[in-house]
């Protein structure tokens, strides 16, 4: 008997319910070994390991191996590999490259929400919003958020506040 399993990213703490867990020697997420604690004969707490992929969870004890009847879905947060251009004023169209962009719910320029279009799972086109300041770009999806490793620089075009004299030869 297994707890209804859903999903989560690497590092998620997962409670596995069942029976016969005393003395467990291994917990695997789709064949990738996880760190775990046997809480009781009917419960184990495990951490989704790096490198895990979507698939069943197995628990191995001296009495054999039990496998979940459903898959645990390892979700992957979006990742930003770069953007172009790297700087510009408010209103600039910026192409963001990366992965895991499908279903994006927000794009922020240093914390300021931007309008955007998801072009594909690997590309978003966003517009630098009013009030944005220089800093990283964030993309948020239902699987989490990803932050650029470099900063977008918001440039401020020159403005003329006046001139003197107002006329001349």
C-alpha atoms as a PDB file:
ATOM      1  CA  UNK A   1       0.000   0.000   0.000  1.00  0.00           C
ATOM      2  CA  UNK A   2       1.508   3.335  -1.074  1.00  0.00           C
ATOM      3  CA  UNK A   3       0.572   6.884  -0.331  1.00  0.00           C
ATOM      4  CA  UNK A   4      -0.869   8.683  -3.345  1.00  0.00           C
ATOM      5  CA  UNK A   5       2.254  10.065  -5.004  1.00  0.00           C
ATOM      6  CA  UNK A   6       2.313  13.211  -7.064  1.00  0.00           C
ATOM      7  CA  UNK A   7       5.546  14.970  -7.821  1.00  0.00           C
ATOM      8  CA  UNK A   8       8.070  17.642  -7.050  1.00  0.00           C
ATOM      9  CA  UNK A   9      11.543  18.864  -7.901  1.00  0.00           C
ATOM     10  CA  UNK A  10      14.890  17.460  -6.787  1.00  0.00           C
ATOM     11  CA  UNK A  11      15.287  18.079  -3.055  1.00  0.00           C
ATOM     12  CA  UNK A  12      11.601  17.613  -2.211  1.00  0.00           C
ATOM     13  CA  UNK A  13      10.888  15.686   0.984  1.00  0.00           C
ATOM     14  CA  UNK A  14       8.487  12.834   0.173  1.00  0.00           C
ATOM     15  CA  UNK A  15       6.550  10.812   2.743  1.00  0.00           C
ATOM     16  CA  UNK A  16       6.079   7.222   1.594  1.00  0.00           C
ATOM     17  CA  UNK A  17       3.329   5.272   3.346  1.00  0.00           C
ATOM     18  CA  UNK A  18       3.013   1.507   3.216  1.00  0.00           C
ATOM     19  CA  UNK A  19       3.963  -1.438   5.364  1.00  0.00           C
ATOM     20  CA  UNK A  20       6.957  -3.634   6.083  1.00  0.00           C
ATOM     21  CA  UNK A  21       9.426  -0.745   5.937  1.00  0.00           C
ATOM     22  CA  UNK A  22      11.386  -1.675   9.086  1.00  0.00           C
ATOM     23  CA  UNK A  23      15.008  -2.343   8.188  1.00  0.00           C
ATOM     24  CA  UNK A  24      14.757  -0.673   4.767  1.00  0.00           C
ATOM     25  CA  UNK A  25      18.141  -0.604   3.059  1.00  0.00           C
ATOM     26  CA  UNK A  26      17.354   1.465  -0.029  1.00  0.00           C
ATOM     27  CA  UNK A  27      14.827   3.866  -1.508  1.00  0.00           C
ATOM     28  CA  UNK A  28      15.065   4.638  -5.219  1.00  0.00           C
ATOM     29  CA  UNK A  29      13.271   7.172  -7.422  1.00  0.00           C
ATOM     30  CA  UNK A  30      13.108   5.468 -10.825  1.00  0.00           C
ATOM     31  CA  UNK A  31      16.382   3.618 -10.062  1.00  0.00           C
ATOM     32  CA  UNK A  32      18.196   6.639  -8.582  1.00  0.00           C
ATOM     33  CA  UNK A  33      19.214   6.142  -4.954  1.00  0.00           C
ATOM     34  CA  UNK A  34      17.735   8.554  -2.421  1.00  0.00           C
ATOM     35  CA  UNK A  35      18.605   9.512   1.122  1.00  0.00           C
ATOM     36  CA  UNK A  36      15.855   8.421   3.496  1.00  0.00           C
ATOM     37  CA  UNK A  37      14.768   7.888   7.073  1.00  0.00           C
ATOM     38  CA  UNK A  38      12.616   4.997   8.209  1.00  0.00           C
ATOM     39  CA  UNK A  39      10.088   6.782  10.403  1.00  0.00           C
ATOM     40  CA  UNK A  40       8.232   3.574  11.293  1.00  0.00           C
ATOM     41  CA  UNK A  41       7.277   0.222   9.808  1.00  0.00           C
ATOM     42  CA  UNK A  42       4.570   2.060   7.823  1.00  0.00           C
ATOM     43  CA  UNK A  43       6.317   5.319   6.851  1.00  0.00           C
ATOM     44  CA  UNK A  44       9.557   6.466   5.219  1.00  0.00           C
ATOM     45  CA  UNK A  45      10.640  10.036   4.525  1.00  0.00           C
ATOM     46  CA  UNK A  46      12.886  10.324   1.471  1.00  0.00           C
ATOM     47  CA  UNK A  47      14.439  13.200  -0.483  1.00  0.00           C
ATOM     48  CA  UNK A  48      14.120  13.315  -4.279  1.00  0.00           C
ATOM     49  CA  UNK A  49      17.750  12.811  -5.381  1.00  0.00           C
ATOM     50  CA  UNK A  50      19.694  14.759  -7.992  1.00  0.00           C
ATOM     51  CA  UNK A  51      19.462  12.953 -11.312  1.00  0.00           C
ATOM     52  CA  UNK A  52      16.074  11.416 -10.520  1.00  0.00           C
ATOM     53  CA  UNK A  53      13.579  11.099 -13.353  1.00  0.00           C
ATOM     54  CA  UNK A  54       9.856  10.461 -13.410  1.00  0.00           C
ATOM     55  CA  UNK A  55       8.987   6.871 -12.546  1.00  0.00           C
ATOM     56  CA  UNK A  56       8.167   4.511  -9.680  1.00  0.00           C
ATOM     57  CA  UNK A  57       9.565   4.646  -6.167  1.00  0.00           C
ATOM     58  CA  UNK A  58      11.018   1.430  -4.797  1.00  0.00           C
ATOM     59  CA  UNK A  59      11.740   0.478  -1.196  1.00  0.00           C
ATOM     60  CA  UNK A  60      14.142  -2.385  -0.544  1.00  0.00           C
ATOM     61  CA  UNK A  61      14.228  -4.286   2.756  1.00  0.00           C
ATOM     62  CA  UNK A  62      15.826  -7.597   3.735  1.00  0.00           C
ATOM     63  CA  UNK A  63      12.441  -9.153   2.835  1.00  0.00           C
ATOM     64  CA  UNK A  64      12.436  -7.882  -0.760  1.00  0.00           C
ATOM     65  CA  UNK A  65      11.560  -4.814  -2.818  1.00  0.00           C
ATOM     66  CA  UNK A  66       8.234  -3.011  -3.042  1.00  0.00           C
ATOM     67  CA  UNK A  67       7.368  -0.750  -5.979  1.00  0.00           C
ATOM     68  CA  UNK A  68       4.830   2.057  -6.101  1.00  0.00           C
ATOM     69  CA  UNK A  69       1.844   1.454  -8.354  1.00  0.00           C
ATOM     70  CA  UNK A  70       2.053   4.989  -9.733  1.00  0.00           C
ATOM     71  CA  UNK A  71       4.931   7.161 -10.875  1.00  0.00           C
ATOM     72  CA  UNK A  72       6.405  10.036  -8.950  1.00  0.00           C
ATOM     73  CA  UNK A  73       6.755  12.979 -11.344  1.00  0.00           C
ATOM     74  CA  UNK A  74      10.082  14.753 -10.987  1.00  0.00           C
ATOM     75  CA  UNK A  75       9.358  18.340 -11.961  1.00  0.00           C
ATOM     76  CA  UNK A  76      12.058  20.553 -13.405  1.00  0.00           C
ATOM     77  CA  UNK A  77      12.001  24.292 -12.711  1.00  0.00           C
ATOM     78  CA  UNK A  78      12.769  26.620 -15.599  1.00  0.00           C
ATOM     79  CA  UNK A  79      16.374  27.462 -16.377  1.00  0.00           C
ATOM     80  CA  UNK A  80      17.614  30.627 -18.079  1.00  0.00           C
ATOM     81  CA  UNK A  81      20.716  30.146 -20.222  1.00  0.00           C
ATOM     82  CA  UNK A  82      20.856  33.700 -21.555  1.00  0.00           C
ATOM     83  CA  UNK A  83      19.009  36.690 -22.984  1.00  0.00           C
ATOM     84  CA  UNK A  84      19.420  39.164 -25.817  1.00  0.00           C
ATOM     85  CA  UNK A  85      19.965  42.060 -25.762  1.00  0.00           C
ATOM     86  CA  UNK A  86      21.762  42.312 -22.436  1.00  0.00           C
ATOM     87  CA  UNK A  87      20.692  45.907 -21.885  1.00  0.00           C
ATOM     88  CA  UNK A  88      18.130  48.447 -23.031  1.00  0.00           C
ATOM     89  CA  UNK A  89      15.588  51.014 -21.913  1.00  0.00           C
ATOM     90  CA  UNK A  90      12.026  50.400 -20.733  1.00  0.00           C
ATOM     91  CA  UNK A  91      10.026  48.993 -23.649  1.00  0.00           C
ATOM     92  CA  UNK A  92      12.892  46.933 -25.096  1.00  0.00           C
ATOM     93  CA  UNK A  93      11.922  43.497 -26.424  1.00  0.00           C
ATOM     94  CA  UNK A  94      14.168  40.857 -24.818  1.00  0.00           C
ATOM     95  CA  UNK A  95      14.490  37.254 -26.033  1.00  0.00           C
ATOM     96  CA  UNK A  96      15.099  34.900 -23.099  1.00  0.00           C
ATOM     97  CA  UNK A  97      16.622  31.483 -23.856  1.00  0.00           C
ATOM     98  CA  UNK A  98      16.599  28.443 -21.614  1.00  0.00           C
ATOM     99  CA  UNK A  99      14.391  25.456 -20.871  1.00  0.00           C
ATOM    100  CA  UNK A 100      11.222  24.513 -19.031  1.00  0.00           C
ATOM    101  CA  UNK A 101       9.340  27.668 -20.072  1.00  0.00           C
ATOM    102  CA  UNK A 102       6.060  25.961 -21.040  1.00  0.00           C
ATOM    103  CA  UNK A 103       3.216  27.284 -18.913  1.00  0.00           C
ATOM    104  CA  UNK A 104       5.211  30.283 -17.647  1.00  0.00           C
ATOM    105  CA  UNK A 105       3.103  32.426 -15.340  1.00  0.00           C
ATOM    106  CA  UNK A 106       5.471  35.353 -14.744  1.00  0.00           C
ATOM    107  CA  UNK A 107       8.621  37.067 -16.005  1.00  0.00           C
ATOM    108  CA  UNK A 108      10.295  39.643 -13.761  1.00  0.00           C
ATOM    109  CA  UNK A 109      13.122  42.088 -14.401  1.00  0.00           C
ATOM    110  CA  UNK A 110      14.800  42.455 -10.991  1.00  0.00           C
ATOM    111  CA  UNK A 111      11.432  41.882  -9.300  1.00  0.00           C
ATOM    112  CA  UNK A 112       9.282  44.014 -11.610  1.00  0.00           C
ATOM    113  CA  UNK A 113       6.650  42.071 -13.543  1.00  0.00           C
ATOM    114  CA  UNK A 114       6.868  42.193 -17.330  1.00  0.00           C
ATOM    115  CA  UNK A 115       4.532  41.390 -20.191  1.00  0.00           C
ATOM    116  CA  UNK A 116       5.726  38.339 -22.111  1.00  0.00           C
ATOM    117  CA  UNK A 117       4.914  35.690 -24.678  1.00  0.00           C
ATOM    118  CA  UNK A 118       6.033  32.063 -24.374  1.00  0.00           C
ATOM    119  CA  UNK A 119       7.392  31.377 -27.863  1.00  0.00           C
ATOM    120  CA  UNK A 120       8.296  27.759 -27.003  1.00  0.00           C
ATOM    121  CA  UNK A 121       9.525  25.628 -24.112  1.00  0.00           C
ATOM    122  CA  UNK A 122      13.002  27.109 -24.729  1.00  0.00           C
ATOM    123  CA  UNK A 123      12.225  30.758 -25.575  1.00  0.00           C
ATOM    124  CA  UNK A 124      10.264  33.683 -24.138  1.00  0.00           C
ATOM    125  CA  UNK A 125       9.966  37.193 -25.522  1.00  0.00           C
ATOM    126  CA  UNK A 126       9.475  39.808 -22.793  1.00  0.00           C
ATOM    127  CA  UNK A 127       9.231  43.579 -22.697  1.00  0.00           C
ATOM    128  CA  UNK A 128      11.272  45.561 -20.167  1.00  0.00           C
ATOM    129  CA  UNK A 129       8.575  47.023 -17.872  1.00  0.00           C
ATOM    130  CA  UNK A 130       8.236  50.562 -16.567  1.00  0.00           C
ATOM    131  CA  UNK A 131       9.910  50.812 -13.172  1.00  0.00           C
ATOM    132  CA  UNK A 132      12.390  48.019 -13.890  1.00  0.00           C
ATOM    133  CA  UNK A 133      15.904  48.360 -12.525  1.00  0.00           C
ATOM    134  CA  UNK A 134      19.082  46.557 -13.487  1.00  0.00           C
ATOM    135  CA  UNK A 135      19.316  43.025 -12.117  1.00  0.00           C
ATOM    136  CA  UNK A 136      18.505  39.399 -12.879  1.00  0.00           C
ATOM    137  CA  UNK A 137      15.599  38.129 -14.947  1.00  0.00           C
ATOM    138  CA  UNK A 138      13.279  35.552 -13.345  1.00  0.00           C
ATOM    139  CA  UNK A 139      10.904  33.138 -15.089  1.00  0.00           C
ATOM    140  CA  UNK A 140       8.191  31.423 -13.015  1.00  0.00           C
ATOM    141  CA  UNK A 141       6.250  28.313 -14.064  1.00  0.00           C
ATOM    142  CA  UNK A 142       4.058  25.864 -12.133  1.00  0.00           C
ATOM    143  CA  UNK A 143       7.289  23.831 -11.594  1.00  0.00           C
ATOM    144  CA  UNK A 144       9.152  26.647  -9.870  1.00  0.00           C
ATOM    145  CA  UNK A 145      11.249  29.578 -10.920  1.00  0.00           C
ATOM    146  CA  UNK A 146      14.597  30.140 -12.577  1.00  0.00           C
ATOM    147  CA  UNK A 147      16.869  33.158 -12.302  1.00  0.00           C
ATOM    148  CA  UNK A 148      19.416  34.370 -14.822  1.00  0.00           C
ATOM    149  CA  UNK A 149      23.055  34.150 -13.747  1.00  0.00           C
ATOM    150  CA  UNK A 150      23.791  37.571 -15.245  1.00  0.00           C
ATOM    151  CA  UNK A 151      22.018  40.893 -14.907  1.00  0.00           C
ATOM    152  CA  UNK A 152      19.965  42.753 -17.480  1.00  0.00           C
ATOM    153  CA  UNK A 153      21.016  46.404 -17.484  1.00  0.00           C
ATOM    154  CA  UNK A 154      18.173  48.891 -17.730  1.00  0.00           C
ATOM    155  CA  UNK A 155      19.507  51.920 -19.570  1.00  0.00           C
ATOM    156  CA  UNK A 156      18.041  55.370 -19.194  1.00  0.00           C
ATOM    157  CA  UNK A 157      17.981  57.489 -22.341  1.00  0.00           C
ATOM    158  CA  UNK A 158      19.065  61.098 -21.944  1.00  0.00           C
ATOM    159  CA  UNK A 159      16.370  63.628 -21.218  1.00  0.00           C
ATOM    160  CA  UNK A 160      16.475  67.373 -21.729  1.00  0.00           C
ATOM    161  CA  UNK A 161      14.988  69.431 -18.944  1.00  0.00           C
ATOM    162  CA  UNK A 162      15.564  72.786 -20.598  1.00  0.00           C
ATOM    163  CA  UNK A 163      18.031  75.011 -22.411  1.00  0.00           C
ATOM    164  CA  UNK A 164      19.239  78.561 -22.216  1.00  0.00           C
ATOM    165  CA  UNK A 165      19.013  80.861 -24.064  1.00  0.00           C
ATOM    166  CA  UNK A 166      15.718  79.963 -25.588  1.00  0.00           C
ATOM    167  CA  UNK A 167      16.686  81.556 -28.888  1.00  0.00           C
ATOM    168  CA  UNK A 168      19.732  82.870 -30.621  1.00  0.00           C
ATOM    169  CA  UNK A 169      21.224  84.121 -33.911  1.00  0.00           C
END
